[in-house]
C-alpha atoms as a PDB file:
ATOM      1  CA  UNK A   1       6.110   6.086 -18.428  1.00  0.00           C
ATOM      2  CA  UNK A   2       4.812   6.636 -14.925  1.00  0.00           C
ATOM      3  CA  UNK A   3       6.224   4.181 -12.451  1.00  0.00           C
ATOM      4  CA  UNK A   4       5.355   3.297  -8.912  1.00  0.00           C
ATOM      5  CA  UNK A   5       7.812   0.946  -7.277  1.00  0.00           C
ATOM      6  CA  UNK A   6       6.979  -1.061  -4.175  1.00  0.00           C
ATOM      7  CA  UNK A   7       9.521  -2.643  -1.870  1.00  0.00           C
ATOM      8  CA  UNK A   8       9.696  -4.284   1.530  1.00  0.00           C
ATOM      9  CA  UNK A   9       7.723  -7.460   0.980  1.00  0.00           C
ATOM     10  CA  UNK A  10       8.907 -10.880   2.026  1.00  0.00           C
ATOM     11  CA  UNK A  11       8.311 -13.905   4.202  1.00  0.00           C
ATOM     12  CA  UNK A  12       7.523 -13.224   7.841  1.00  0.00           C
ATOM     13  CA  UNK A  13       6.232 -15.251  10.781  1.00  0.00           C
ATOM     14  CA  UNK A  14       2.801 -14.581  12.241  1.00  0.00           C
ATOM     15  CA  UNK A  15       2.852 -11.765  14.767  1.00  0.00           C
ATOM     16  CA  UNK A  16       5.826 -10.059  13.211  1.00  0.00           C
ATOM     17  CA  UNK A  17       5.991  -6.787  11.277  1.00  0.00           C
ATOM     18  CA  UNK A  18       6.877  -5.541   7.824  1.00  0.00           C
ATOM     19  CA  UNK A  19       7.012  -2.087   6.309  1.00  0.00           C
ATOM     20  CA  UNK A  20       6.200  -1.629   2.663  1.00  0.00           C
ATOM     21  CA  UNK A  21       7.420   1.374   0.727  1.00  0.00           C
ATOM     22  CA  UNK A  22       6.210   2.912  -2.502  1.00  0.00           C
ATOM     23  CA  UNK A  23       8.187   5.476  -4.448  1.00  0.00           C
ATOM     24  CA  UNK A  24       8.028   7.238  -7.768  1.00  0.00           C
ATOM     25  CA  UNK A  25      10.963   8.912  -9.396  1.00  0.00           C
ATOM     26  CA  UNK A  26      12.227  10.173 -12.706  1.00  0.00           C
ATOM     27  CA  UNK A  27      10.934  12.724 -15.163  1.00  0.00           C
ATOM     28  CA  UNK A  28       7.456  11.159 -15.271  1.00  0.00           C
ATOM     29  CA  UNK A  29       7.151  10.557 -11.565  1.00  0.00           C
ATOM     30  CA  UNK A  30       3.884  10.939  -9.705  1.00  0.00           C
ATOM     31  CA  UNK A  31       3.993  13.706  -7.131  1.00  0.00           C
ATOM     32  CA  UNK A  32       2.529  11.924  -4.142  1.00  0.00           C
ATOM     33  CA  UNK A  33       1.680  15.115  -2.267  1.00  0.00           C
ATOM     34  CA  UNK A  34      -0.825  15.960  -5.021  1.00  0.00           C
ATOM     35  CA  UNK A  35      -2.550  12.593  -4.877  1.00  0.00           C
ATOM     36  CA  UNK A  36      -4.655  10.403  -2.665  1.00  0.00           C
ATOM     37  CA  UNK A  37      -2.533   7.300  -2.241  1.00  0.00           C
ATOM     38  CA  UNK A  38      -3.634   3.778  -1.509  1.00  0.00           C
ATOM     39  CA  UNK A  39      -2.451   0.283  -0.780  1.00  0.00           C
ATOM     40  CA  UNK A  40      -4.341  -2.698  -2.157  1.00  0.00           C
ATOM     41  CA  UNK A  41      -3.764  -6.409  -1.826  1.00  0.00           C
ATOM     42  CA  UNK A  42      -4.763  -9.504  -3.724  1.00  0.00           C
ATOM     43  CA  UNK A  43      -4.642 -12.936  -2.174  1.00  0.00           C
ATOM     44  CA  UNK A  44      -4.614 -16.116  -4.278  1.00  0.00           C
ATOM     45  CA  UNK A  45      -8.071 -16.839  -5.640  1.00  0.00           C
ATOM     46  CA  UNK A  46      -9.502 -13.583  -4.307  1.00  0.00           C
ATOM     47  CA  UNK A  47     -10.346 -10.204  -5.748  1.00  0.00           C
ATOM     48  CA  UNK A  48      -8.071  -7.275  -5.146  1.00  0.00           C
ATOM     49  CA  UNK A  49      -9.153  -5.277  -2.103  1.00  0.00           C
ATOM     50  CA  UNK A  50      -8.384  -1.786  -0.917  1.00  0.00           C
ATOM     51  CA  UNK A  51      -6.438  -1.968   2.329  1.00  0.00           C
ATOM     52  CA  UNK A  52      -5.738   1.671   3.189  1.00  0.00           C
ATOM     53  CA  UNK A  53      -5.830   5.173   1.780  1.00  0.00           C
ATOM     54  CA  UNK A  54      -4.214   8.427   2.781  1.00  0.00           C
ATOM     55  CA  UNK A  55      -5.577  11.743   1.588  1.00  0.00           C
ATOM     56  CA  UNK A  56      -3.640  14.803   0.513  1.00  0.00           C
ATOM     57  CA  UNK A  57      -4.123  16.109   4.066  1.00  0.00           C
ATOM     58  CA  UNK A  58      -3.059  12.739   5.511  1.00  0.00           C
ATOM     59  CA  UNK A  59      -6.501  11.553   6.583  1.00  0.00           C
ATOM     60  CA  UNK A  60      -6.350   7.783   6.629  1.00  0.00           C
ATOM     61  CA  UNK A  61      -8.870   5.019   6.100  1.00  0.00           C
ATOM     62  CA  UNK A  62      -8.505   1.271   6.521  1.00  0.00           C
ATOM     63  CA  UNK A  63     -10.392  -1.875   5.736  1.00  0.00           C
ATOM     64  CA  UNK A  64     -11.783  -3.344   8.947  1.00  0.00           C
ATOM     65  CA  UNK A  65      -9.551  -6.407   8.864  1.00  0.00           C
ATOM     66  CA  UNK A  66      -6.369  -4.331   9.296  1.00  0.00           C
ATOM     67  CA  UNK A  67      -7.558  -1.557  11.603  1.00  0.00           C
ATOM     68  CA  UNK A  68      -5.285  -1.233  14.611  1.00  0.00           C
ATOM     69  CA  UNK A  69      -2.547  -3.286  12.936  1.00  0.00           C
ATOM     70  CA  UNK A  70      -1.626  -1.417   9.735  1.00  0.00           C
ATOM     71  CA  UNK A  71      -0.635   2.213   9.349  1.00  0.00           C
ATOM     72  CA  UNK A  72      -0.385   4.105   6.079  1.00  0.00           C
ATOM     73  CA  UNK A  73       1.789   7.208   6.007  1.00  0.00           C
ATOM     74  CA  UNK A  74       3.435   9.506   3.526  1.00  0.00           C
ATOM     75  CA  UNK A  75       6.739  11.369   3.356  1.00  0.00           C
ATOM     76  CA  UNK A  76       6.202  14.094   0.804  1.00  0.00           C
ATOM     77  CA  UNK A  77       9.817  15.231   0.904  1.00  0.00           C
ATOM     78  CA  UNK A  78      10.899  11.737  -0.135  1.00  0.00           C
ATOM     79  CA  UNK A  79       7.871  11.237  -2.397  1.00  0.00           C
ATOM     80  CA  UNK A  80       7.256   7.947  -0.650  1.00  0.00           C
ATOM     81  CA  UNK A  81       4.265   6.221   0.883  1.00  0.00           C
ATOM     82  CA  UNK A  82       4.553   3.518   3.514  1.00  0.00           C
ATOM     83  CA  UNK A  83       2.428   0.740   4.887  1.00  0.00           C
ATOM     84  CA  UNK A  84       3.529  -0.367   8.330  1.00  0.00           C
ATOM     85  CA  UNK A  85       2.075  -3.802   9.011  1.00  0.00           C
ATOM     86  CA  UNK A  86       2.169  -5.113  12.585  1.00  0.00           C
ATOM     87  CA  UNK A  87       0.820  -8.281  14.168  1.00  0.00           C
ATOM     88  CA  UNK A  88       0.717  -9.949  10.798  1.00  0.00           C
ATOM     89  CA  UNK A  89      -1.577 -12.910  10.276  1.00  0.00           C
ATOM     90  CA  UNK A  90      -1.508 -15.703   7.692  1.00  0.00           C
ATOM     91  CA  UNK A  91      -4.611 -14.171   6.108  1.00  0.00           C
ATOM     92  CA  UNK A  92      -2.576 -11.053   5.313  1.00  0.00           C
ATOM     93  CA  UNK A  93      -0.661 -13.096   2.759  1.00  0.00           C
ATOM     94  CA  UNK A  94      -1.113 -11.410  -0.611  1.00  0.00           C
ATOM     95  CA  UNK A  95       0.517  -9.356  -3.298  1.00  0.00           C
ATOM     96  CA  UNK A  96       0.415  -5.749  -2.120  1.00  0.00           C
ATOM     97  CA  UNK A  97       0.041  -2.934  -4.627  1.00  0.00           C
ATOM     98  CA  UNK A  98       0.652   0.765  -4.274  1.00  0.00           C
ATOM     99  CA  UNK A  99      -1.691   3.065  -6.163  1.00  0.00           C
ATOM    100  CA  UNK A 100      -1.877   6.786  -6.828  1.00  0.00           C
ATOM    101  CA  UNK A 101      -4.763   9.023  -7.730  1.00  0.00           C
ATOM    102  CA  UNK A 102      -7.435   7.212  -5.716  1.00  0.00           C
ATOM    103  CA  UNK A 103     -10.911   8.689  -6.211  1.00  0.00           C
ATOM    104  CA  UNK A 104     -13.244   8.376  -3.207  1.00  0.00           C
ATOM    105  CA  UNK A 105     -16.351   8.474  -5.439  1.00  0.00           C
ATOM    106  CA  UNK A 106     -15.385   6.071  -8.208  1.00  0.00           C
ATOM    107  CA  UNK A 107     -13.235   4.040  -5.807  1.00  0.00           C
ATOM    108  CA  UNK A 108     -10.671   3.669  -8.538  1.00  0.00           C
ATOM    109  CA  UNK A 109      -6.996   4.562  -8.772  1.00  0.00           C
ATOM    110  CA  UNK A 110      -5.174   5.967 -11.767  1.00  0.00           C
ATOM    111  CA  UNK A 111      -1.666   4.559 -11.379  1.00  0.00           C
ATOM    112  CA  UNK A 112      -0.414   1.249 -10.086  1.00  0.00           C
ATOM    113  CA  UNK A 113       2.785  -0.405  -9.029  1.00  0.00           C
ATOM    114  CA  UNK A 114       3.787  -3.933  -9.975  1.00  0.00           C
ATOM    115  CA  UNK A 115       3.196  -5.314  -6.515  1.00  0.00           C
ATOM    116  CA  UNK A 116       5.274  -6.895  -3.793  1.00  0.00           C
ATOM    117  CA  UNK A 117       4.624 -10.302  -2.266  1.00  0.00           C
ATOM    118  CA  UNK A 118       3.935 -10.587   1.449  1.00  0.00           C
ATOM    119  CA  UNK A 119       3.798 -14.091   2.876  1.00  0.00           C
ATOM    120  CA  UNK A 120       2.923 -14.669   6.514  1.00  0.00           C
ATOM    121  CA  UNK A 121       3.741 -18.200   7.558  1.00  0.00           C
ATOM    122  CA  UNK A 122       5.455 -20.102  10.321  1.00  0.00           C
END
């Protein structure tokens, strides 16, 4: 079974930073270097939204609300994708999901992690 595992979530004060990681390992791992990777989030009572994507050639895209604050990156040698989140705001509170195999046309992803909770609160 393909697994994506997120880590790095937690409780943080407004204005602080967190870095989320997403990895896949084992015999059925997803090879991140062959995939467009994405980070999504879902806040309570809201639909899941795409936060950032990184292409196979490391071209990045972000939702407007996080531009200039979040950075998506990949380490192909470690088969890991990161989401660096700076200047966090209470409205960034959500469960964050890593996804692999994002398609720019269908806007859908093939594989998903279980999510990691990020709570921004004083």
